[in-house]
Amino acid sequence: MKQILNIFAFTYSQGVRKKAFIITTVIILAVILILCTVPRLLIVFTDGNVDSLTEGTFYTCYFVDETGMFDAGIESLSVELTDTRFDKKYPDELDVLRSDIENNARHSLIHITNGEDGKPVISVVAKDFLNGVAGNYETVGAVLSQVYAEKVMQDAGIDQELIDVSKTELVCTVESEGNLTMSGYAIGIVLITLTFFAVYYYGYGVASSVASEKSSRVMETLVVSTEPWKILVGKCFGMGAVGLTQFGGAIIFAIICWIIFIPEGFTFMGQTLSLDAFTPKSAILILIFFMLGYMLYAFMNAVSGASVDKIEDLNTVMMPVMIISMGSFYLSYFTAIMGTTYDYLVNLSLYIPFSAPFIMPFELLNGEVSTGQVLLSLGILAATLLIVAFVSIRIYTASVMHYGKRIKVKDALKNIKNTKNKGDIK
């Protein structure tokens, strides 16, 4: 046990001190911070708290009306597009305006003419579809259509009160009978992605570490004092602890940022964003599935690292494990983004041990999984881990001191029976 702990401590200390670990951690935390501040910024820019900005700072839009029906157009558009200053122009200036737009991406033009059927035709002119009001052409069309309808009704002598009623926008909210919420959905998708990258990155770290030590003949020194299986277990747990440190730290930081920056009662797409789904029970289960999933892939990756003499061959040997991990990730990802539409996909991904660590966090956060399903999935994953660990340890023991031609799995299995001493192959 002491030997395992020594290897664990060494692997962990080396892992957290690497530049790659520090840089990726900083990037992850920065992304979390930015995402959590977005709702606060949205409130600032939509509630009028923009004292540091002046009207027309961003865009200028020329407004040319040849129909005479849109006297209220500029006023109505200014209410909806607060980052744009609207400037009334005349038809004889069109050539000059188009030339100006061609040389200035911040300038655009709304040109209204009479169509063949007598109805106005609205044209939005911009340097490209990304600039000016071109990106908000649907809003422009909706606002000016309402202005046109109001003008027609006024000319027809309809009472202004009725016109105002016709412009009333009713509040629409979304209620779900199930437990899938926008918060749980978004956080679940993020966790699926983070779990995959953590499993892949730290699994690759295990394989790379084993391959490097083997190619530099350090392994020959290690196996003299430590049994190969203890080296494998210590490395897997050490890199797992590194991953858990980064993964758990990111979750804790995300919760802190959420509490500080996400306004209480903030709504997105008609639903209130909250952390109600993130309970202590779900957090513990997510960490358990993460660790079991990581260990499952780590054992397989360690065998890949032990089967090569040159670290340059590592990517080729790891390809089967990479295919399994990527296939499991995409199964879980597409199952999650489709919500509860396809129950058979949910059940399939829950009970396949290679995909369960990816999909389970999403299901736990959205309350779409029963206790029985969690226990069954956990049991299958744990049983698979034990089997894979047993086979991996045997193959690792038979492969770690093998040099020369790359050893195949079937050859390693044959050599298991012939292993007499610490990693020596007959």
Protein backbone atom coordinates (compact mmCIF):
# COMPACT_ATOMS: atom_id res chain seq x y z
CA MET A 1 0.00 0.00 0.00
CA LYS A 2 2.87 2.35 0.82
CA GLN A 3 4.34 1.85 -2.65
CA ILE A 4 1.01 2.73 -4.28
CA LEU A 5 0.73 5.87 -2.14
CA ASN A 6 4.27 6.93 -3.03
CA ILE A 7 3.59 6.55 -6.76
CA PHE A 8 0.23 8.28 -6.30
CA ALA A 9 1.83 11.25 -4.50
CA PHE A 10 4.62 11.55 -7.07
CA THR A 11 2.22 11.36 -10.03
CA TYR A 12 -0.16 13.89 -8.47
CA SER A 13 2.57 16.40 -7.59
CA GLN A 14 4.03 16.15 -11.08
CA GLY A 15 0.60 16.54 -12.69
CA VAL A 16 -0.50 19.70 -10.87
CA ARG A 17 2.84 21.41 -11.47
CA LYS A 18 2.82 20.99 -15.23
CA LYS A 19 2.34 24.12 -17.33
CA ALA A 20 -0.40 22.39 -19.30
CA PHE A 21 -2.42 21.82 -16.11
CA ILE A 22 -2.00 25.42 -14.96
CA ILE A 23 -2.82 26.91 -18.37
CA THR A 24 -5.90 24.74 -18.98
CA THR A 25 -7.16 25.45 -15.46
CA VAL A 26 -6.83 29.20 -15.99
CA ILE A 27 -8.60 28.96 -19.36
CA ILE A 28 -11.47 26.89 -17.91
CA LEU A 29 -11.95 29.29 -15.00
CA ALA A 30 -11.81 32.29 -17.34
CA VAL A 31 -14.47 30.79 -19.61
CA ILE A 32 -16.70 30.06 -16.60
CA LEU A 33 -16.26 33.63 -15.36
CA ILE A 34 -17.12 35.10 -18.76
CA LEU A 35 -20.21 32.92 -19.19
CA CYS A 36 -21.48 33.81 -15.72
CA THR A 37 -21.07 37.55 -16.31
CA VAL A 38 -23.02 37.51 -19.59
CA PRO A 39 -26.50 37.70 -17.91
CA ARG A 40 -25.34 40.65 -15.81
CA LEU A 41 -24.08 42.43 -18.92
CA LEU A 42 -27.34 41.69 -20.74
CA ILE A 43 -29.26 43.42 -17.96
CA VAL A 44 -26.96 46.44 -18.11
CA PHE A 45 -27.39 46.82 -21.86
CA THR A 46 -31.15 46.21 -21.90
CA ASP A 47 -32.27 48.14 -18.81
CA GLY A 48 -30.73 51.42 -19.86
CA ASN A 49 -27.77 51.43 -17.48
CA VAL A 50 -25.40 52.49 -20.22
CA ASP A 51 -24.19 55.86 -18.94
CA SER A 52 -20.76 55.25 -20.43
CA LEU A 53 -22.20 54.84 -23.92
CA THR A 54 -23.72 57.51 -26.12
CA GLU A 55 -26.44 57.08 -28.67
CA GLY A 56 -25.10 56.13 -32.07
CA THR A 57 -21.74 54.99 -30.70
CA PHE A 58 -21.91 51.71 -32.58
CA TYR A 59 -23.89 52.06 -35.82
CA THR A 60 -25.52 54.64 -38.06
CA CYS A 61 -28.46 53.71 -40.27
CA TYR A 62 -29.78 55.96 -43.04
CA PHE A 63 -33.56 55.92 -43.45
CA VAL A 64 -35.08 56.67 -46.86
CA ASP A 65 -38.87 56.46 -47.18
CA GLU A 66 -40.31 56.98 -50.67
CA THR A 67 -43.86 56.01 -49.64
CA GLY A 68 -44.62 58.64 -47.00
CA MET A 69 -46.12 55.92 -44.80
CA PHE A 70 -43.32 55.62 -42.25
CA ASP A 71 -43.04 58.97 -40.50
CA ALA A 72 -42.94 57.08 -37.17
CA GLY A 73 -40.42 54.55 -38.45
CA ILE A 74 -37.28 56.14 -37.06
CA GLU A 75 -38.78 56.59 -33.61
CA SER A 76 -40.03 53.00 -33.45
CA LEU A 77 -36.75 51.54 -34.71
CA SER A 78 -34.74 53.59 -32.20
CA VAL A 79 -36.68 51.96 -29.37
CA GLU A 80 -35.83 48.44 -30.56
CA LEU A 81 -32.29 48.98 -31.86
CA THR A 82 -30.72 51.08 -29.13
CA ASP A 83 -27.17 50.70 -30.45
CA THR A 84 -28.05 52.39 -33.75
CA ARG A 85 -28.57 56.05 -34.65
CA PHE A 86 -31.14 56.52 -37.42
CA ASP A 87 -30.65 59.41 -39.82
CA LYS A 88 -33.42 60.46 -42.23
CA LYS A 89 -32.26 60.90 -45.83
CA TYR A 90 -33.86 61.42 -49.25
CA PRO A 91 -34.00 59.40 -52.51
CA ASP A 92 -31.66 61.72 -54.42
CA GLU A 93 -28.90 60.86 -51.92
CA LEU A 94 -29.01 57.09 -52.48
CA ASP A 95 -25.87 56.87 -54.61
CA VAL A 96 -23.84 58.80 -52.06
CA LEU A 97 -25.24 56.72 -49.20
CA ARG A 98 -24.43 53.41 -50.93
CA SER A 99 -20.89 54.61 -51.59
CA ASP A 100 -20.51 55.55 -47.94
CA ILE A 101 -21.77 52.14 -46.80
CA GLU A 102 -19.32 50.39 -49.10
CA ASN A 103 -16.47 52.10 -47.25
CA ASN A 104 -17.85 51.97 -43.72
CA ALA A 105 -19.05 48.73 -42.15
CA ARG A 106 -20.79 50.60 -39.31
CA HIS A 107 -23.15 52.38 -41.70
CA SER A 108 -26.25 50.85 -43.28
CA LEU A 109 -29.42 51.89 -45.10
CA ILE A 110 -33.14 51.17 -44.86
CA HIS A 111 -34.80 51.99 -48.17
CA ILE A 112 -38.60 51.77 -48.47
CA THR A 113 -40.29 51.85 -51.87
CA ASN A 114 -43.73 51.06 -53.30
CA GLY A 115 -44.11 47.52 -54.59
CA GLU A 116 -45.99 46.45 -57.70
CA ASP A 117 -48.97 45.40 -55.57
CA GLY A 118 -49.09 48.78 -53.84
CA LYS A 119 -47.57 47.50 -50.62
CA PRO A 120 -44.29 48.95 -49.33
CA VAL A 121 -41.08 47.00 -49.94
CA ILE A 122 -38.33 47.29 -47.31
CA SER A 123 -34.70 46.89 -48.39
CA VAL A 124 -31.80 46.76 -45.93
CA VAL A 125 -28.42 47.69 -47.40
CA ALA A 126 -25.16 47.00 -45.53
CA LYS A 127 -21.54 46.28 -46.35
CA ASP A 128 -22.11 42.64 -45.40
CA PHE A 129 -24.65 40.56 -43.53
CA LEU A 130 -22.69 40.80 -40.25
CA ASN A 131 -22.70 44.58 -39.92
CA GLY A 132 -25.16 47.41 -39.45
CA VAL A 133 -28.83 46.55 -39.13
CA ALA A 134 -28.41 43.65 -41.58
CA GLY A 135 -28.05 41.30 -38.63
CA ASN A 136 -31.39 42.56 -37.29
CA TYR A 137 -33.34 42.64 -40.54
CA GLU A 138 -36.14 40.55 -39.02
CA THR A 139 -36.58 43.12 -36.24
CA VAL A 140 -36.57 45.91 -38.83
CA GLY A 141 -39.27 44.13 -40.83
CA ALA A 142 -41.43 43.47 -37.77
CA VAL A 143 -41.19 47.05 -36.45
CA LEU A 144 -41.88 48.72 -39.79
CA SER A 145 -44.74 46.32 -40.54
CA GLN A 146 -46.37 47.44 -37.32
CA VAL A 147 -45.79 51.09 -38.21
CA TYR A 148 -47.36 50.50 -41.63
CA ALA A 149 -50.39 48.72 -40.17
CA GLU A 150 -50.93 51.53 -37.67
CA LYS A 151 -50.73 54.15 -40.44
CA VAL A 152 -53.26 52.28 -42.58
CA MET A 153 -55.69 51.98 -39.65
CA GLN A 154 -55.30 55.67 -38.80
CA ASP A 155 -56.04 56.65 -42.40
CA ALA A 156 -59.12 54.42 -42.26
CA GLY A 157 -60.41 56.36 -39.24
CA ILE A 158 -60.06 53.56 -36.71
CA ASP A 159 -60.04 54.71 -33.09
CA GLN A 160 -56.54 55.07 -31.60
CA GLU A 161 -57.47 52.96 -28.57
CA LEU A 162 -58.26 50.03 -30.84
CA ILE A 163 -55.01 50.58 -32.70
CA ASP A 164 -53.10 50.49 -29.40
CA VAL A 165 -54.88 47.27 -28.43
CA SER A 166 -53.85 45.69 -31.73
CA LYS A 167 -50.22 46.47 -30.87
CA THR A 168 -50.38 44.84 -27.44
CA GLU A 169 -47.79 42.10 -26.89
CA LEU A 170 -48.93 39.39 -24.51
CA VAL A 171 -46.51 37.79 -22.04
CA CYS A 172 -45.77 34.16 -22.84
CA THR A 173 -44.01 31.80 -20.42
CA VAL A 174 -43.05 28.15 -20.69
CA GLU A 175 -44.08 25.54 -18.11
CA SER A 176 -42.75 21.99 -18.18
CA GLU A 177 -44.50 18.99 -16.71
CA GLY A 178 -41.15 17.18 -16.69
CA ASN A 179 -37.98 18.14 -14.82
CA LEU A 180 -35.92 19.33 -17.79
CA THR A 181 -35.07 23.01 -17.28
CA MET A 182 -32.91 25.46 -19.18
CA SER A 183 -30.41 25.61 -16.28
CA GLY A 184 -30.11 21.85 -15.95
CA TYR A 185 -29.95 21.44 -19.71
CA ALA A 186 -27.14 23.97 -20.20
CA ILE A 187 -25.08 22.84 -17.20
CA GLY A 188 -25.60 19.19 -18.16
CA ILE A 189 -24.27 19.76 -21.68
CA VAL A 190 -21.25 21.57 -20.26
CA LEU A 191 -20.57 18.71 -17.82
CA ILE A 192 -20.76 16.13 -20.61
CA THR A 193 -18.16 18.06 -22.58
CA LEU A 194 -15.91 18.69 -19.57
CA THR A 195 -16.07 15.03 -18.54
CA PHE A 196 -15.04 13.89 -22.00
CA PHE A 197 -12.09 16.27 -22.20
CA ALA A 198 -11.00 15.38 -18.65
CA VAL A 199 -11.21 11.64 -19.33
CA TYR A 200 -9.39 12.01 -22.64
CA TYR A 201 -6.75 14.44 -21.41
CA TYR A 202 -5.86 12.66 -18.17
CA GLY A 203 -6.22 9.21 -19.70
CA TYR A 204 -3.73 10.29 -22.33
CA GLY A 205 -1.53 11.57 -19.51
CA VAL A 206 -1.43 8.09 -17.96
CA ALA A 207 -0.53 6.46 -21.28
CA SER A 208 2.08 9.11 -22.04
CA SER A 209 3.68 8.76 -18.61
CA VAL A 210 3.94 4.98 -18.90
CA ALA A 211 5.30 5.17 -22.45
CA SER A 212 7.88 7.83 -21.51
CA GLU A 213 9.17 5.86 -18.55
CA LYS A 214 9.35 2.70 -20.60
CA SER A 215 11.18 4.35 -23.52
CA SER A 216 13.69 5.96 -21.14
CA ARG A 217 14.23 2.66 -19.29
CA VAL A 218 13.06 4.23 -16.02
CA MET A 219 10.55 1.40 -15.79
CA GLU A 220 13.38 -1.09 -15.35
CA THR A 221 14.36 0.71 -12.16
CA LEU A 222 10.79 0.98 -10.91
CA VAL A 223 9.90 -2.69 -11.29
CA VAL A 224 12.93 -3.69 -9.20
CA SER A 225 11.38 -2.16 -6.09
CA THR A 226 7.69 -2.08 -6.99
CA GLU A 227 5.35 -4.61 -8.52
CA PRO A 228 4.02 -3.51 -11.94
CA TRP A 229 0.38 -3.61 -10.88
CA LYS A 230 1.11 -1.20 -8.02
CA ILE A 231 2.77 1.18 -10.47
CA LEU A 232 -0.31 1.04 -12.69
CA VAL A 233 -2.79 1.60 -9.86
CA GLY A 234 -0.73 4.42 -8.36
CA LYS A 235 -0.43 6.22 -11.69
CA CYS A 236 -4.12 5.86 -12.51
CA PHE A 237 -5.22 7.15 -9.12
CA GLY A 238 -2.64 9.94 -9.20
CA MET A 239 -3.76 11.28 -12.58
CA GLY A 240 -7.37 10.76 -11.50
CA ALA A 241 -6.76 12.97 -8.47
CA VAL A 242 -5.25 15.60 -10.76
CA GLY A 243 -8.34 15.46 -12.95
CA LEU A 244 -10.64 15.55 -9.94
CA THR A 245 -8.80 18.59 -8.60
CA GLN A 246 -9.32 20.47 -11.85
CA PHE A 247 -12.85 19.16 -12.45
CA GLY A 248 -14.01 19.73 -8.87
CA GLY A 249 -12.33 23.12 -8.72
CA ALA A 250 -14.09 24.18 -11.91
CA ILE A 251 -17.47 23.12 -10.49
CA ILE A 252 -16.90 24.94 -7.19
CA PHE A 253 -15.71 28.07 -9.02
CA ALA A 254 -18.73 27.90 -11.34
CA ILE A 255 -21.10 27.73 -8.36
CA ILE A 256 -19.40 30.72 -6.72
CA CYS A 257 -19.55 32.75 -9.95
CA TRP A 258 -23.19 31.76 -10.42
CA ILE A 259 -24.10 32.99 -6.95
CA ILE A 260 -22.18 36.25 -7.38
CA PHE A 261 -22.95 37.20 -10.99
CA ILE A 262 -26.21 35.53 -12.06
CA PRO A 263 -29.08 37.85 -11.02
CA GLU A 264 -31.77 36.20 -8.95
CA GLY A 265 -34.79 35.40 -11.09
CA PHE A 266 -32.91 35.92 -14.35
CA THR A 267 -34.87 34.37 -17.21
CA PHE A 268 -33.67 32.97 -20.51
CA MET A 269 -36.06 31.75 -23.22
CA GLY A 270 -38.93 32.20 -20.78
CA GLN A 271 -37.38 30.09 -18.02
CA THR A 272 -35.72 31.13 -14.77
CA LEU A 273 -32.08 30.15 -14.43
CA SER A 274 -31.27 28.52 -11.09
CA LEU A 275 -29.07 25.93 -9.41
CA ASP A 276 -31.96 24.05 -7.83
CA ALA A 277 -31.02 20.87 -9.70
CA PHE A 278 -27.46 20.97 -8.37
CA THR A 279 -28.02 19.29 -5.00
CA PRO A 280 -25.35 17.74 -2.73
CA LYS A 281 -26.64 14.30 -3.74
CA SER A 282 -26.32 14.99 -7.45
CA ALA A 283 -22.88 16.57 -6.96
CA ILE A 284 -21.59 13.50 -5.12
CA LEU A 285 -22.99 11.12 -7.72
CA ILE A 286 -21.51 13.19 -10.55
CA LEU A 287 -18.06 12.97 -8.93
CA ILE A 288 -18.46 9.21 -8.38
CA PHE A 289 -19.38 8.60 -12.01
CA PHE A 290 -16.56 10.87 -13.12
CA MET A 291 -13.96 8.96 -11.10
CA LEU A 292 -15.24 5.54 -12.17
CA GLY A 293 -15.39 6.63 -15.80
CA TYR A 294 -11.92 8.09 -15.63
CA MET A 295 -10.48 4.92 -14.04
CA LEU A 296 -12.15 2.78 -16.69
CA TYR A 297 -10.45 4.66 -19.51
CA ALA A 298 -7.21 5.18 -17.56
CA PHE A 299 -6.61 1.44 -17.18
CA MET A 300 -7.12 0.91 -20.90
CA ASN A 301 -4.85 3.84 -21.75
CA ALA A 302 -2.14 2.55 -19.42
CA VAL A 303 -2.09 -0.75 -21.30
CA SER A 304 -1.69 1.23 -24.53
CA GLY A 305 1.29 3.07 -23.08
CA ALA A 306 2.90 -0.16 -21.88
CA SER A 307 2.64 -1.81 -25.29
CA VAL A 308 4.94 0.62 -27.14
CA ASP A 309 8.68 1.22 -27.01
CA LYS A 310 8.59 4.65 -28.65
CA ILE A 311 6.31 7.42 -27.49
CA GLU A 312 5.81 8.36 -31.15
CA ASP A 313 3.77 5.16 -31.58
CA LEU A 314 1.43 6.02 -28.71
CA ASN A 315 -1.32 7.72 -30.73
CA THR A 316 -1.63 4.75 -33.05
CA VAL A 317 -1.92 2.26 -30.19
CA MET A 318 -4.44 4.46 -28.36
CA MET A 319 -6.75 4.67 -31.38
CA PRO A 320 -9.15 1.88 -30.23
CA VAL A 321 -9.58 3.54 -26.83
CA MET A 322 -10.05 6.93 -28.49
CA ILE A 323 -12.73 5.52 -30.79
CA ILE A 324 -14.59 4.04 -27.82
CA SER A 325 -14.39 7.27 -25.81
CA MET A 326 -15.42 9.52 -28.72
CA GLY A 327 -18.25 7.21 -29.74
CA SER A 328 -19.54 7.13 -26.16
CA PHE A 329 -19.24 10.91 -25.88
CA TYR A 330 -21.20 11.58 -29.06
CA LEU A 331 -23.87 9.06 -28.08
CA SER A 332 -24.30 10.87 -24.76
CA TYR A 333 -24.07 14.34 -26.29
CA PHE A 334 -26.69 13.78 -28.98
CA THR A 335 -28.91 11.97 -26.49
CA ALA A 336 -28.73 15.01 -24.22
CA ILE A 337 -29.37 17.69 -26.85
CA MET A 338 -32.47 15.79 -28.02
CA GLY A 339 -33.84 15.98 -24.48
CA THR A 340 -36.43 13.35 -23.63
CA THR A 341 -37.53 12.74 -27.21
CA TYR A 342 -35.91 9.32 -27.56
CA ASP A 343 -36.12 7.31 -24.33
CA TYR A 344 -34.45 4.28 -25.85
CA LEU A 345 -31.30 6.32 -26.52
CA VAL A 346 -31.30 7.51 -22.91
CA ASN A 347 -31.55 3.97 -21.58
CA LEU A 348 -28.92 2.74 -24.01
CA SER A 349 -26.41 5.41 -23.01
CA LEU A 350 -27.16 4.96 -19.30
CA TYR A 351 -26.41 1.24 -19.25
CA ILE A 352 -23.41 1.16 -21.57
CA PRO A 353 -20.53 1.48 -19.09
CA PHE A 354 -18.38 3.49 -21.50
CA SER A 355 -21.04 6.18 -22.05
CA ALA A 356 -22.64 6.23 -18.57
CA PRO A 357 -20.01 8.61 -17.08
CA PHE A 358 -20.85 11.16 -19.79
CA ILE A 359 -24.67 11.04 -19.82
CA MET A 360 -25.33 10.49 -16.11
CA PRO A 361 -24.42 14.06 -14.98
CA PHE A 362 -26.96 15.43 -17.47
CA GLU A 363 -29.68 13.05 -16.31
CA LEU A 364 -28.96 13.69 -12.63
CA LEU A 365 -29.21 17.47 -13.02
CA ASN A 366 -32.49 17.23 -14.90
CA GLY A 367 -34.14 14.69 -12.62
CA GLU A 368 -34.97 12.39 -15.52
CA VAL A 369 -33.42 9.29 -13.92
CA SER A 370 -34.74 7.16 -11.07
CA THR A 371 -32.78 5.81 -8.11
CA GLY A 372 -33.03 2.32 -9.56
CA GLN A 373 -31.56 3.46 -12.86
CA VAL A 374 -28.70 5.23 -11.08
CA LEU A 375 -27.87 2.15 -9.01
CA LEU A 376 -28.10 -0.19 -12.00
CA SER A 377 -25.92 2.06 -14.14
CA LEU A 378 -23.45 2.47 -11.29
CA GLY A 379 -23.35 -1.28 -10.72
CA ILE A 380 -22.71 -2.03 -14.39
CA LEU A 381 -20.00 0.63 -14.53
CA ALA A 382 -18.31 -0.64 -11.36
CA ALA A 383 -18.43 -4.27 -12.51
CA THR A 384 -17.00 -3.34 -15.90
CA LEU A 385 -14.27 -1.33 -14.19
CA LEU A 386 -13.26 -4.32 -12.06
CA ILE A 387 -13.11 -6.59 -15.09
CA VAL A 388 -11.17 -4.07 -17.18
CA ALA A 389 -8.84 -3.34 -14.25
CA PHE A 390 -8.13 -7.05 -13.70
CA VAL A 391 -7.40 -7.68 -17.38
CA SER A 392 -5.45 -4.42 -17.76
CA ILE A 393 -3.24 -5.18 -14.76
CA ARG A 394 -2.42 -8.61 -16.18
CA ILE A 395 -1.70 -7.25 -19.65
CA TYR A 396 0.28 -4.36 -18.19
CA THR A 397 2.39 -6.74 -16.11
CA ALA A 398 3.11 -8.85 -19.17
CA SER A 399 3.82 -5.85 -21.41
CA VAL A 400 5.65 -3.26 -19.37
CA MET A 401 9.07 -4.92 -19.66
CA HIS A 402 8.62 -6.04 -23.24
CA TYR A 403 10.92 -4.33 -25.76
CA GLY A 404 11.32 -4.71 -29.48
CA LYS A 405 8.33 -5.47 -31.68
CA ARG A 406 5.12 -3.98 -30.35
CA ILE A 407 3.30 -6.59 -28.29
CA LYS A 408 -0.22 -7.50 -29.32
CA VAL A 409 -3.06 -8.03 -26.85
CA LYS A 410 -3.39 -11.73 -27.63
CA ASP A 411 0.36 -12.21 -27.12
CA ALA A 412 0.21 -10.32 -23.83
CA LEU A 413 -2.64 -12.55 -22.67
CA LYS A 414 -0.56 -15.63 -23.49
CA ASN A 415 2.42 -14.23 -21.61
CA ILE A 416 0.30 -13.62 -18.52
CA LYS A 417 0.49 -17.32 -17.70
CA ASN A 418 4.27 -17.24 -18.08
CA THR A 419 4.85 -14.24 -15.82
CA LYS A 420 6.88 -15.46 -12.86
CA ASN A 421 8.51 -12.46 -11.28
CA LYS A 422 7.88 -8.71 -11.11
CA GLY A 423 7.14 -7.90 -14.69
CA ASP A 424 9.58 -10.50 -16.16
CA ILE A 425 8.28 -12.26 -19.22
CA LYS A 426 9.43 -15.67 -20.11
